[in-house]
PDB file of N, CA and C in Angstrom:
ATOM      1  N   MET A   1     -25.689   2.440   6.217  1.00  0.00           N
ATOM      2  CA  MET A   1     -24.749   3.378   7.252  1.00  0.00           C
ATOM      3  C   MET A   1     -23.531   2.864   5.704  1.00  0.00           C
ATOM      4  N   GLY A   2     -22.512   4.479   6.205  1.00  0.00           N
ATOM      5  CA  GLY A   2     -21.563   3.824   5.538  1.00  0.00           C
ATOM      6  C   GLY A   2     -20.414   3.785   5.864  1.00  0.00           C
ATOM      7  N   LEU A   3     -19.583   3.923   5.142  1.00  0.00           N
ATOM      8  CA  LEU A   3     -17.897   3.929   6.185  1.00  0.00           C
ATOM      9  C   LEU A   3     -18.039   4.742   7.446  1.00  0.00           C
ATOM     10  N   GLU A   4     -17.107   3.649   8.623  1.00  0.00           N
ATOM     11  CA  GLU A   4     -16.282   4.050   9.754  1.00  0.00           C
ATOM     12  C   GLU A   4     -15.398   3.978   9.897  1.00  0.00           C
ATOM     13  N   LEU A   5     -15.020   4.906  11.018  1.00  0.00           N
ATOM     14  CA  LEU A   5     -13.441   4.930  10.725  1.00  0.00           C
ATOM     15  C   LEU A   5     -13.250   4.602  12.542  1.00  0.00           C
ATOM     16  N   TYR A   6     -12.809   4.350  12.605  1.00  0.00           N
ATOM     17  CA  TYR A   6     -12.604   4.459  14.139  1.00  0.00           C
ATOM     18  C   TYR A   6     -11.252   4.603  14.074  1.00  0.00           C
ATOM     19  N   LEU A   7     -10.718   5.778  14.773  1.00  0.00           N
ATOM     20  CA  LEU A   7      -9.640   6.119  14.805  1.00  0.00           C
ATOM     21  C   LEU A   7      -9.292   6.996  16.094  1.00  0.00           C
ATOM     22  N   ASP A   8      -8.055   6.888  17.159  1.00  0.00           N
ATOM     23  CA  ASP A   8      -8.010   8.028  17.630  1.00  0.00           C
ATOM     24  C   ASP A   8      -6.454   9.080  16.663  1.00  0.00           C
ATOM     25  N   LEU A   9      -6.385  10.161  16.642  1.00  0.00           N
ATOM     26  CA  LEU A   9      -6.196  11.170  15.992  1.00  0.00           C
ATOM     27  C   LEU A   9      -4.351  11.091  16.283  1.00  0.00           C
ATOM     28  N   LEU A  10      -4.213  10.739  17.991  1.00  0.00           N
ATOM     29  CA  LEU A  10      -3.183  11.110  18.193  1.00  0.00           C
ATOM     30  C   LEU A  10      -2.143   9.604  18.007  1.00  0.00           C
ATOM     31  N   CYS A  11      -2.230   9.005  17.202  1.00  0.00           N
ATOM     32  CA  CYS A  11      -1.898   7.810  17.061  1.00  0.00           C
ATOM     33  C   CYS A  11      -1.059   7.942  15.448  1.00  0.00           C
ATOM     34  N   GLN A  12      -0.524   7.848  14.910  1.00  0.00           N
ATOM     35  CA  GLN A  12       0.228   8.094  13.520  1.00  0.00           C
ATOM     36  C   GLN A  12      -0.253   7.177  13.141  1.00  0.00           C
ATOM     37  N   PRO A  13      -0.118   6.029  12.782  1.00  0.00           N
ATOM     38  CA  PRO A  13      -1.209   4.361  11.923  1.00  0.00           C
ATOM     39  C   PRO A  13      -2.537   5.474  11.358  1.00  0.00           C
ATOM     40  N   CYS A  14      -3.396   6.052  12.236  1.00  0.00           N
ATOM     41  CA  CYS A  14      -4.078   6.590  12.108  1.00  0.00           C
ATOM     42  C   CYS A  14      -4.557   8.181  11.867  1.00  0.00           C
ATOM     43  N   ARG A  15      -3.729   8.959  12.034  1.00  0.00           N
ATOM     44  CA  ARG A  15      -3.558   9.530  11.233  1.00  0.00           C
ATOM     45  C   ARG A  15      -3.233   9.348   9.494  1.00  0.00           C
ATOM     46  N   ALA A  16      -2.878   8.315   9.275  1.00  0.00           N
ATOM     47  CA  ALA A  16      -2.126   7.921   7.703  1.00  0.00           C
ATOM     48  C   ALA A  16      -3.390   7.592   7.083  1.00  0.00           C
ATOM     49  N   VAL A  17      -4.366   6.640   7.922  1.00  0.00           N
ATOM     50  CA  VAL A  17      -5.607   6.512   7.637  1.00  0.00           C
ATOM     51  C   VAL A  17      -6.681   7.800   7.020  1.00  0.00           C
ATOM     52  N   TYR A  18      -6.442   8.199   8.375  1.00  0.00           N
ATOM     53  CA  TYR A  18      -7.346  10.129   8.023  1.00  0.00           C
ATOM     54  C   TYR A  18      -7.380  10.505   7.040  1.00  0.00           C
ATOM     55  N   ILE A  19      -5.951  11.062   7.096  1.00  0.00           N
ATOM     56  CA  ILE A  19      -5.127  12.001   6.279  1.00  0.00           C
ATOM     57  C   ILE A  19      -5.742  11.450   4.386  1.00  0.00           C
ATOM     58  N   PHE A  20      -5.287   9.796   4.121  1.00  0.00           N
ATOM     59  CA  PHE A  20      -5.629   8.987   2.933  1.00  0.00           C
ATOM     60  C   PHE A  20      -6.996   9.358   2.454  1.00  0.00           C
ATOM     61  N   ALA A  21      -8.103   9.171   3.759  1.00  0.00           N
ATOM     62  CA  ALA A  21      -9.323   8.793   3.013  1.00  0.00           C
ATOM     63  C   ALA A  21      -9.784  10.473   2.223  1.00  0.00           C
ATOM     64  N   LYS A  22      -9.103  11.931   3.393  1.00  0.00           N
ATOM     65  CA  LYS A  22      -9.514  12.620   3.401  1.00  0.00           C
ATOM     66  C   LYS A  22      -9.052  13.470   1.777  1.00  0.00           C
ATOM     67  N   LYS A  23      -7.585  12.556   1.589  1.00  0.00           N
ATOM     68  CA  LYS A  23      -7.055  12.977   0.190  1.00  0.00           C
ATOM     69  C   LYS A  23      -7.766  12.449  -1.075  1.00  0.00           C
ATOM     70  N   ILE A  24      -8.016  11.484  -1.215  1.00  0.00           N
ATOM     71  CA  ILE A  24      -9.160  10.766  -2.362  1.00  0.00           C
ATOM     72  C   ILE A  24     -10.409  10.833  -1.779  1.00  0.00           C
ATOM     73  N   GLY A  25     -10.751  11.489  -1.153  1.00  0.00           N
ATOM     74  CA  GLY A  25     -12.189  11.854  -1.004  1.00  0.00           C
ATOM     75  C   GLY A  25     -13.227  10.737  -1.077  1.00  0.00           C
ATOM     76  N   VAL A  26     -13.016   9.662   0.348  1.00  0.00           N
ATOM     77  CA  VAL A  26     -14.157   8.661   0.392  1.00  0.00           C
ATOM     78  C   VAL A  26     -15.000   9.122   1.893  1.00  0.00           C
ATOM     79  N   PRO A  27     -15.998   9.404   1.407  1.00  0.00           N
ATOM     80  CA  PRO A  27     -16.914   9.742   2.910  1.00  0.00           C
ATOM     81  C   PRO A  27     -16.870   8.710   3.589  1.00  0.00           C
ATOM     82  N   PHE A  28     -17.129   8.815   5.027  1.00  0.00           N
ATOM     83  CA  PHE A  28     -16.924   8.016   5.880  1.00  0.00           C
ATOM     84  C   PHE A  28     -17.847   9.204   7.480  1.00  0.00           C
ATOM     85  N   GLU A  29     -17.339   8.458   7.856  1.00  0.00           N
ATOM     86  CA  GLU A  29     -18.302   9.216   9.532  1.00  0.00           C
ATOM     87  C   GLU A  29     -16.910   9.004  10.687  1.00  0.00           C
ATOM     88  N   LEU A  30     -16.635   9.773  10.900  1.00  0.00           N
ATOM     89  CA  LEU A  30     -15.185   9.361  12.067  1.00  0.00           C
ATOM     90  C   LEU A  30     -15.749   9.238  13.175  1.00  0.00           C
ATOM     91  N   ARG A  31     -15.262   7.581  13.990  1.00  0.00           N
ATOM     92  CA  ARG A  31     -15.675   7.296  15.497  1.00  0.00           C
ATOM     93  C   ARG A  31     -14.804   7.443  16.042  1.00  0.00           C
ATOM     94  N   LYS A  32     -14.057   8.621  17.070  1.00  0.00           N
ATOM     95  CA  LYS A  32     -13.104   8.668  17.902  1.00  0.00           C
ATOM     96  C   LYS A  32     -12.787   7.771  18.870  1.00  0.00           C
ATOM     97  N   VAL A  33     -11.987   7.247  19.298  1.00  0.00           N
ATOM     98  CA  VAL A  33     -11.481   6.069  20.187  1.00  0.00           C
ATOM     99  C   VAL A  33     -10.730   6.134  20.829  1.00  0.00           C
ATOM    100  N   GLU A  34     -10.588   6.967  22.488  1.00  0.00           N
ATOM    101  CA  GLU A  34      -9.942   7.332  22.642  1.00  0.00           C
ATOM    102  C   GLU A  34      -8.383   6.652  23.673  1.00  0.00           C
ATOM    103  N   VAL A  35      -7.368   6.105  23.466  1.00  0.00           N
ATOM    104  CA  VAL A  35      -6.206   5.286  23.701  1.00  0.00           C
ATOM    105  C   VAL A  35      -6.063   5.559  24.838  1.00  0.00           C
ATOM    106  N   LEU A  36      -5.758   6.622  25.065  1.00  0.00           N
ATOM    107  CA  LEU A  36      -5.409   7.015  26.608  1.00  0.00           C
ATOM    108  C   LEU A  36      -6.283   6.396  27.422  1.00  0.00           C
ATOM    109  N   LYS A  37      -7.187   6.737  27.004  1.00  0.00           N
ATOM    110  CA  LYS A  37      -8.344   6.690  28.147  1.00  0.00           C
ATOM    111  C   LYS A  37      -8.571   5.271  27.672  1.00  0.00           C
ATOM    112  N   GLY A  38      -8.387   4.591  27.567  1.00  0.00           N
ATOM    113  CA  GLY A  38      -8.398   2.888  27.022  1.00  0.00           C
ATOM    114  C   GLY A  38      -9.642   2.742  26.846  1.00  0.00           C
ATOM    115  N   GLN A  39     -10.706   3.588  26.088  1.00  0.00           N
ATOM    116  CA  GLN A  39     -11.503   3.199  25.262  1.00  0.00           C
ATOM    117  C   GLN A  39     -11.667   2.106  24.249  1.00  0.00           C
ATOM    118  N   HIS A  40     -10.115   1.803  23.929  1.00  0.00           N
ATOM    119  CA  HIS A  40     -10.224   0.313  22.789  1.00  0.00           C
ATOM    120  C   HIS A  40     -10.257  -0.929  23.327  1.00  0.00           C
ATOM    121  N   ASN A  41     -10.277  -0.375  25.151  1.00  0.00           N
ATOM    122  CA  ASN A  41     -10.110  -1.796  25.319  1.00  0.00           C
ATOM    123  C   ASN A  41     -11.912  -2.030  25.535  1.00  0.00           C
ATOM    124  N   SER A  42     -12.763  -1.417  25.726  1.00  0.00           N
ATOM    125  CA  SER A  42     -14.604  -1.430  25.763  1.00  0.00           C
ATOM    126  C   SER A  42     -14.599  -3.135  25.365  1.00  0.00           C
ATOM    127  N   ASP A  43     -16.160  -3.127  25.732  1.00  0.00           N
ATOM    128  CA  ASP A  43     -16.744  -4.331  25.422  1.00  0.00           C
ATOM    129  C   ASP A  43     -17.203  -3.667  23.847  1.00  0.00           C
ATOM    130  N   ASP A  44     -17.846  -2.808  24.344  1.00  0.00           N
ATOM    131  CA  ASP A  44     -18.003  -1.997  22.619  1.00  0.00           C
ATOM    132  C   ASP A  44     -16.982  -1.652  21.071  1.00  0.00           C
ATOM    133  N   PHE A  45     -16.169  -1.912  21.801  1.00  0.00           N
ATOM    134  CA  PHE A  45     -15.239  -1.268  21.242  1.00  0.00           C
ATOM    135  C   PHE A  45     -14.654  -2.740  20.379  1.00  0.00           C
ATOM    136  N   ALA A  46     -14.822  -4.102  21.421  1.00  0.00           N
ATOM    137  CA  ALA A  46     -14.798  -5.655  20.802  1.00  0.00           C
ATOM    138  C   ALA A  46     -15.232  -5.603  20.185  1.00  0.00           C
ATOM    139  N   GLN A  47     -16.589  -5.429  19.678  1.00  0.00           N
ATOM    140  CA  GLN A  47     -17.659  -5.738  18.668  1.00  0.00           C
ATOM    141  C   GLN A  47     -16.643  -5.190  17.513  1.00  0.00           C
ATOM    142  N   VAL A  48     -16.478  -4.296  17.536  1.00  0.00           N
ATOM    143  CA  VAL A  48     -16.215  -3.746  16.211  1.00  0.00           C
ATOM    144  C   VAL A  48     -14.622  -3.750  15.957  1.00  0.00           C
ATOM    145  N   ASN A  49     -13.783  -4.242  16.826  1.00  0.00           N
ATOM    146  CA  ASN A  49     -12.558  -5.451  16.611  1.00  0.00           C
ATOM    147  C   ASN A  49     -12.037  -5.779  17.825  1.00  0.00           C
ATOM    148  N   PRO A  50     -11.463  -7.142  17.565  1.00  0.00           N
ATOM    149  CA  PRO A  50     -11.623  -8.547  18.316  1.00  0.00           C
ATOM    150  C   PRO A  50     -10.399  -8.045  19.123  1.00  0.00           C
ATOM    151  N   LEU A  51      -9.686  -7.671  18.075  1.00  0.00           N
ATOM    152  CA  LEU A  51      -8.435  -6.866  18.149  1.00  0.00           C
ATOM    153  C   LEU A  51      -7.355  -6.299  19.554  1.00  0.00           C
ATOM    154  N   ARG A  52      -8.712  -5.267  19.482  1.00  0.00           N
ATOM    155  CA  ARG A  52      -8.840  -4.039  20.284  1.00  0.00           C
ATOM    156  C   ARG A  52      -7.796  -3.199  20.039  1.00  0.00           C
ATOM    157  N   LYS A  53      -7.187  -3.254  18.745  1.00  0.00           N
ATOM    158  CA  LYS A  53      -6.791  -2.140  18.018  1.00  0.00           C
ATOM    159  C   LYS A  53      -7.048  -0.889  17.147  1.00  0.00           C
ATOM    160  N   VAL A  54      -6.123   0.158  17.160  1.00  0.00           N
ATOM    161  CA  VAL A  54      -6.795   0.732  16.382  1.00  0.00           C
ATOM    162  C   VAL A  54      -5.732   1.564  15.205  1.00  0.00           C
ATOM    163  N   PRO A  55      -5.876   1.936  14.134  1.00  0.00           N
ATOM    164  CA  PRO A  55      -7.427   2.491  13.390  1.00  0.00           C
ATOM    165  C   PRO A  55      -8.173   0.268  13.174  1.00  0.00           C
ATOM    166  N   ALA A  56      -9.549   0.501  13.204  1.00  0.00           N
ATOM    167  CA  ALA A  56     -10.633  -0.030  13.015  1.00  0.00           C
ATOM    168  C   ALA A  56     -11.332   0.770  11.676  1.00  0.00           C
ATOM    169  N   LEU A  57     -12.383  -0.010  10.476  1.00  0.00           N
ATOM    170  CA  LEU A  57     -12.690   0.586   9.624  1.00  0.00           C
ATOM    171  C   LEU A  57     -13.867  -1.038   9.372  1.00  0.00           C
ATOM    172  N   LYS A  58     -15.036   0.419   9.419  1.00  0.00           N
ATOM    173  CA  LYS A  58     -16.561  -0.429   9.476  1.00  0.00           C
ATOM    174  C   LYS A  58     -17.540   0.232   8.579  1.00  0.00           C
ATOM    175  N   ASP A  59     -17.542  -1.176   7.216  1.00  0.00           N
ATOM    176  CA  ASP A  59     -18.247  -1.122   6.163  1.00  0.00           C
ATOM    177  C   ASP A  59     -19.622  -1.849   6.602  1.00  0.00           C
ATOM    178  N   GLY A  60     -20.928  -1.784   6.617  1.00  0.00           N
ATOM    179  CA  GLY A  60     -22.090  -2.454   6.313  1.00  0.00           C
ATOM    180  C   GLY A  60     -21.293  -3.887   7.436  1.00  0.00           C
ATOM    181  N   ASP A  61     -21.602  -4.658   7.033  1.00  0.00           N
ATOM    182  CA  ASP A  61     -21.196  -6.437   7.618  1.00  0.00           C
ATOM    183  C   ASP A  61     -19.680  -6.320   8.227  1.00  0.00           C
ATOM    184  N   PHE A  62     -18.867  -5.996   6.517  1.00  0.00           N
ATOM    185  CA  PHE A  62     -17.705  -5.874   6.545  1.00  0.00           C
ATOM    186  C   PHE A  62     -16.482  -4.594   7.642  1.00  0.00           C
ATOM    187  N   THR A  63     -15.860  -5.883   8.877  1.00  0.00           N
ATOM    188  CA  THR A  63     -15.138  -4.807   9.558  1.00  0.00           C
ATOM    189  C   THR A  63     -13.285  -5.318   9.046  1.00  0.00           C
ATOM    190  N   LEU A  64     -12.666  -4.267   8.938  1.00  0.00           N
ATOM    191  CA  LEU A  64     -11.641  -4.538   8.592  1.00  0.00           C
ATOM    192  C   LEU A  64     -10.017  -4.080  10.033  1.00  0.00           C
ATOM    193  N   ALA A  65     -10.006  -4.927  10.778  1.00  0.00           N
ATOM    194  CA  ALA A  65      -8.655  -4.329  11.568  1.00  0.00           C
ATOM    195  C   ALA A  65      -7.661  -3.825  11.656  1.00  0.00           C
ATOM    196  N   GLU A  66      -6.920  -4.683  10.107  1.00  0.00           N
ATOM    197  CA  GLU A  66      -5.106  -4.483   9.890  1.00  0.00           C
ATOM    198  C   GLU A  66      -4.923  -3.001   9.480  1.00  0.00           C
ATOM    199  N   SER A  67      -4.158  -1.763   9.907  1.00  0.00           N
ATOM    200  CA  SER A  67      -4.308  -0.421   9.693  1.00  0.00           C
ATOM    201  C   SER A  67      -3.449  -0.322   8.306  1.00  0.00           C
ATOM    202  N   PRO A  68      -2.323  -1.587   8.193  1.00  0.00           N
ATOM    203  CA  PRO A  68      -1.549  -1.349   6.611  1.00  0.00           C
ATOM    204  C   PRO A  68      -3.379  -1.840   5.791  1.00  0.00           C
ATOM    205  N   TRP A  69      -3.745  -2.098   5.290  1.00  0.00           N
ATOM    206  CA  TRP A  69      -5.169  -2.708   4.549  1.00  0.00           C
ATOM    207  C   TRP A  69      -6.370  -1.551   4.474  1.00  0.00           C
ATOM    208  N   ALA A  70      -6.530  -0.842   5.246  1.00  0.00           N
ATOM    209  CA  ALA A  70      -6.970   0.326   5.779  1.00  0.00           C
ATOM    210  C   ALA A  70      -6.791   1.130   4.165  1.00  0.00           C
ATOM    211  N   PRO A  71      -6.280   1.608   3.632  1.00  0.00           N
ATOM    212  CA  PRO A  71      -5.641   2.611   2.464  1.00  0.00           C
ATOM    213  C   PRO A  71      -6.090   1.869   1.459  1.00  0.00           C
ATOM    214  N   ALA A  72      -5.882   1.023   1.276  1.00  0.00           N
ATOM    215  CA  ALA A  72      -6.452  -0.070   0.167  1.00  0.00           C
ATOM    216  C   ALA A  72      -7.539  -0.053   0.435  1.00  0.00           C
ATOM    217  N   ALA A  73      -8.079  -0.626   0.555  1.00  0.00           N
ATOM    218  CA  ALA A  73      -9.852  -0.981   1.304  1.00  0.00           C
ATOM    219  C   ALA A  73     -10.564   0.443   1.067  1.00  0.00           C
ATOM    220  N   MET A  74      -9.735   1.538   1.168  1.00  0.00           N
ATOM    221  CA  MET A  74     -11.203   2.728   0.562  1.00  0.00           C
ATOM    222  C   MET A  74     -10.708   3.157  -0.317  1.00  0.00           C
ATOM    223  N   SER A  75      -9.198   2.720  -1.056  1.00  0.00           N
ATOM    224  CA  SER A  75      -9.093   3.233  -2.527  1.00  0.00           C
ATOM    225  C   SER A  75      -9.781   2.721  -3.374  1.00  0.00           C
ATOM    226  N   SER A  76     -10.251   1.212  -3.124  1.00  0.00           N
ATOM    227  CA  SER A  76     -10.704   0.402  -4.072  1.00  0.00           C
ATOM    228  C   SER A  76     -12.631   0.689  -3.848  1.00  0.00           C
ATOM    229  N   LYS A  77     -13.341   1.639  -2.544  1.00  0.00           N
ATOM    230  CA  LYS A  77     -14.092   1.964  -2.608  1.00  0.00           C
ATOM    231  C   LYS A  77     -14.525   2.806  -3.355  1.00  0.00           C
ATOM    232  N   PRO A  78     -14.384   4.231  -3.887  1.00  0.00           N
ATOM    233  CA  PRO A  78     -14.815   5.335  -4.440  1.00  0.00           C
ATOM    234  C   PRO A  78     -14.733   4.871  -6.019  1.00  0.00           C
ATOM    235  N   ALA A  79     -15.010   5.778  -7.079  1.00  0.00           N
ATOM    236  CA  ALA A  79     -14.514   5.544  -8.398  1.00  0.00           C
ATOM    237  C   ALA A  79     -13.977   7.150  -8.892  1.00  0.00           C
ATOM    238  N   PRO A  80     -12.498   7.138  -8.617  1.00  0.00           N
ATOM    239  CA  PRO A  80     -12.454   8.464  -8.936  1.00  0.00           C
ATOM    240  C   PRO A  80     -11.595   8.214  -9.923  1.00  0.00           C
ATOM    241  N   SER A  81     -11.156   9.653 -10.110  1.00  0.00           N
ATOM    242  CA  SER A  81      -9.787   9.081 -11.388  1.00  0.00           C
ATOM    243  C   SER A  81      -8.302   9.133 -11.031  1.00  0.00           C
ATOM    244  N   TRP A  82      -7.981   8.868  -9.268  1.00  0.00           N
ATOM    245  CA  TRP A  82      -7.190   8.979  -9.097  1.00  0.00           C
ATOM    246  C   TRP A  82      -7.053   6.730  -8.956  1.00  0.00           C
ATOM    247  N   ARG A  83      -5.309   6.813  -8.952  1.00  0.00           N
ATOM    248  CA  ARG A  83      -5.254   5.300  -9.351  1.00  0.00           C
ATOM    249  C   ARG A  83      -3.660   5.292  -9.327  1.00  0.00           C
ATOM    250  N   PRO A  84      -3.996   3.726  -8.262  1.00  0.00           N
ATOM    251  CA  PRO A  84      -2.078   3.774  -7.878  1.00  0.00           C
ATOM    252  C   PRO A  84      -1.089   3.816  -9.197  1.00  0.00           C
ATOM    253  N   GLY A  85      -0.510   4.202  -8.818  1.00  0.00           N
ATOM    254  CA  GLY A  85       1.087   4.324 -10.473  1.00  0.00           C
ATOM    255  C   GLY A  85       0.316   5.476 -11.403  1.00  0.00           C
ATOM    256  N   ALA A  86      -0.774   6.602 -10.584  1.00  0.00           N
ATOM    257  CA  ALA A  86      -1.258   7.768 -11.953  1.00  0.00           C
ATOM    258  C   ALA A  86       0.613   8.458 -12.346  1.00  0.00           C
ATOM    259  N   SER A  87      -0.287   8.760 -13.204  1.00  0.00           N
ATOM    260  CA  SER A  87       1.299   9.922 -13.922  1.00  0.00           C
ATOM    261  C   SER A  87       1.286  10.849 -13.395  1.00  0.00           C
ATOM    262  N   VAL A  88       0.708  11.063 -11.698  1.00  0.00           N
ATOM    263  CA  VAL A  88       1.359  12.474 -11.074  1.00  0.00           C
ATOM    264  C   VAL A  88       2.751  12.688 -10.604  1.00  0.00           C
ATOM    265  N   TRP A  89       2.676  11.008 -10.263  1.00  0.00           N
ATOM    266  CA  TRP A  89       3.935  10.658  -9.864  1.00  0.00           C
ATOM    267  C   TRP A  89       5.404  10.887 -10.976  1.00  0.00           C
ATOM    268  N   ARG A  90       4.606  11.117 -12.295  1.00  0.00           N
ATOM    269  CA  ARG A  90       6.094  11.206 -13.558  1.00  0.00           C
ATOM    270  C   ARG A  90       6.660  12.221 -12.669  1.00  0.00           C
ATOM    271  N   GLY A  91       7.814  12.830 -13.513  1.00  0.00           N
ATOM    272  CA  GLY A  91       8.383  14.444 -13.159  1.00  0.00           C
ATOM    273  C   GLY A  91       8.080  14.690 -14.759  1.00  0.00           C
ATOM    274  N   ARG A  92       8.988  15.771 -15.506  1.00  0.00           N
ATOM    275  CA  ARG A  92       8.765  15.989 -16.388  1.00  0.00           C
ATOM    276  C   ARG A  92       9.344  15.462 -17.290  1.00  0.00           C
ATOM    277  N   SER A  93      10.779  14.376 -16.944  1.00  0.00           N
ATOM    278  CA  SER A  93      11.246  13.533 -17.654  1.00  0.00           C
ATOM    279  C   SER A  93       9.947  12.536 -18.047  1.00  0.00           C
ATOM    280  N   GLY A  94       9.469  12.037 -17.602  1.00  0.00           N
ATOM    281  CA  GLY A  94       8.851  10.678 -17.253  1.00  0.00           C
ATOM    282  C   GLY A  94       9.557   9.523 -16.969  1.00  0.00           C
ATOM    283  N   ARG A  95      10.085   9.782 -16.390  1.00  0.00           N
ATOM    284  CA  ARG A  95      10.429   9.341 -14.898  1.00  0.00           C
ATOM    285  C   ARG A  95       9.654   9.131 -14.516  1.00  0.00           C
ATOM    286  N   THR A  96       9.773   7.218 -13.348  1.00  0.00           N
ATOM    287  CA  THR A  96       8.865   7.370 -11.960  1.00  0.00           C
ATOM    288  C   THR A  96      10.130   8.419 -10.606  1.00  0.00           C
ATOM    289  N   SER A  97      11.568   8.031 -11.044  1.00  0.00           N
ATOM    290  CA  SER A  97      12.771   8.474 -10.271  1.00  0.00           C
ATOM    291  C   SER A  97      13.499   8.766 -10.098  1.00  0.00           C
ATOM    292  N   SER A  98      13.719   9.602  -9.248  1.00  0.00           N
ATOM    293  CA  SER A  98      14.478  10.767  -9.732  1.00  0.00           C
ATOM    294  C   SER A  98      16.363  10.852 -10.118  1.00  0.00           C
ATOM    295  N   ARG A  99      16.746   9.640  -9.949  1.00  0.00           N
ATOM    296  CA  ARG A  99      18.092   8.686  -9.967  1.00  0.00           C
ATOM    297  C   ARG A  99      18.348   8.849 -11.358  1.00  0.00           C
ATOM    298  N   ARG A 100      19.546   9.519 -11.912  1.00  0.00           N
ATOM    299  CA  ARG A 100      20.209   9.786 -12.504  1.00  0.00           C
ATOM    300  C   ARG A 100      20.145   8.097 -13.451  1.00  0.00           C
ATOM    301  N   PRO A 101      20.106   8.267 -15.014  1.00  0.00           N
ATOM    302  CA  PRO A 101      19.994   7.039 -15.516  1.00  0.00           C
ATOM    303  C   PRO A 101      21.218   6.325 -15.844  1.00  0.00           C
ATOM    304  N   THR A 102      21.642   4.720 -15.434  1.00  0.00           N
ATOM    305  CA  THR A 102      22.737   3.848 -15.231  1.00  0.00           C
ATOM    306  C   THR A 102      22.561   3.583 -17.073  1.00  0.00           C
ATOM    307  N   ARG A 103      23.642   3.777 -16.924  1.00  0.00           N
ATOM    308  CA  ARG A 103      24.615   3.437 -18.314  1.00  0.00           C
ATOM    309  C   ARG A 103      25.575   2.466 -18.071  1.00  0.00           C
ATOM    310  N   TRP A 104      24.869   1.463 -18.875  1.00  0.00           N
ATOM    311  CA  TRP A 104      25.408   0.224 -19.668  1.00  0.00           C
ATOM    312  C   TRP A 104      26.370   0.526 -20.340  1.00  0.00           C
ATOM    313  N   SER A 105      28.008   0.460 -20.723  1.00  0.00           N
ATOM    314  CA  SER A 105      28.801  -0.083 -21.314  1.00  0.00           C
ATOM    315  C   SER A 105      29.098  -1.761 -21.533  1.00  0.00           C
TER     316      SER A 105
END
């Protein structure tokens, strides 16, 4: 089995994880969990995430239940040309910020 993402796409943090995974090209299997129907409170889902919260990420025996760490875990999985802080974020001037440079006299 590969990477499994347990998500409810009505939930904003779940959508963020889903979009991030699609954007960087991580292959995953989507497991829908409908929070409004209470599926996150089921005993089956508690085996995946004892906290009973979405999003959850499962890769083999490894389970990640904290949503802020899910994109970091996914970005370390593949070996694409995408890397944090890549030159994509630099403008034509070579600066990483759109603010004007501060002059110190």
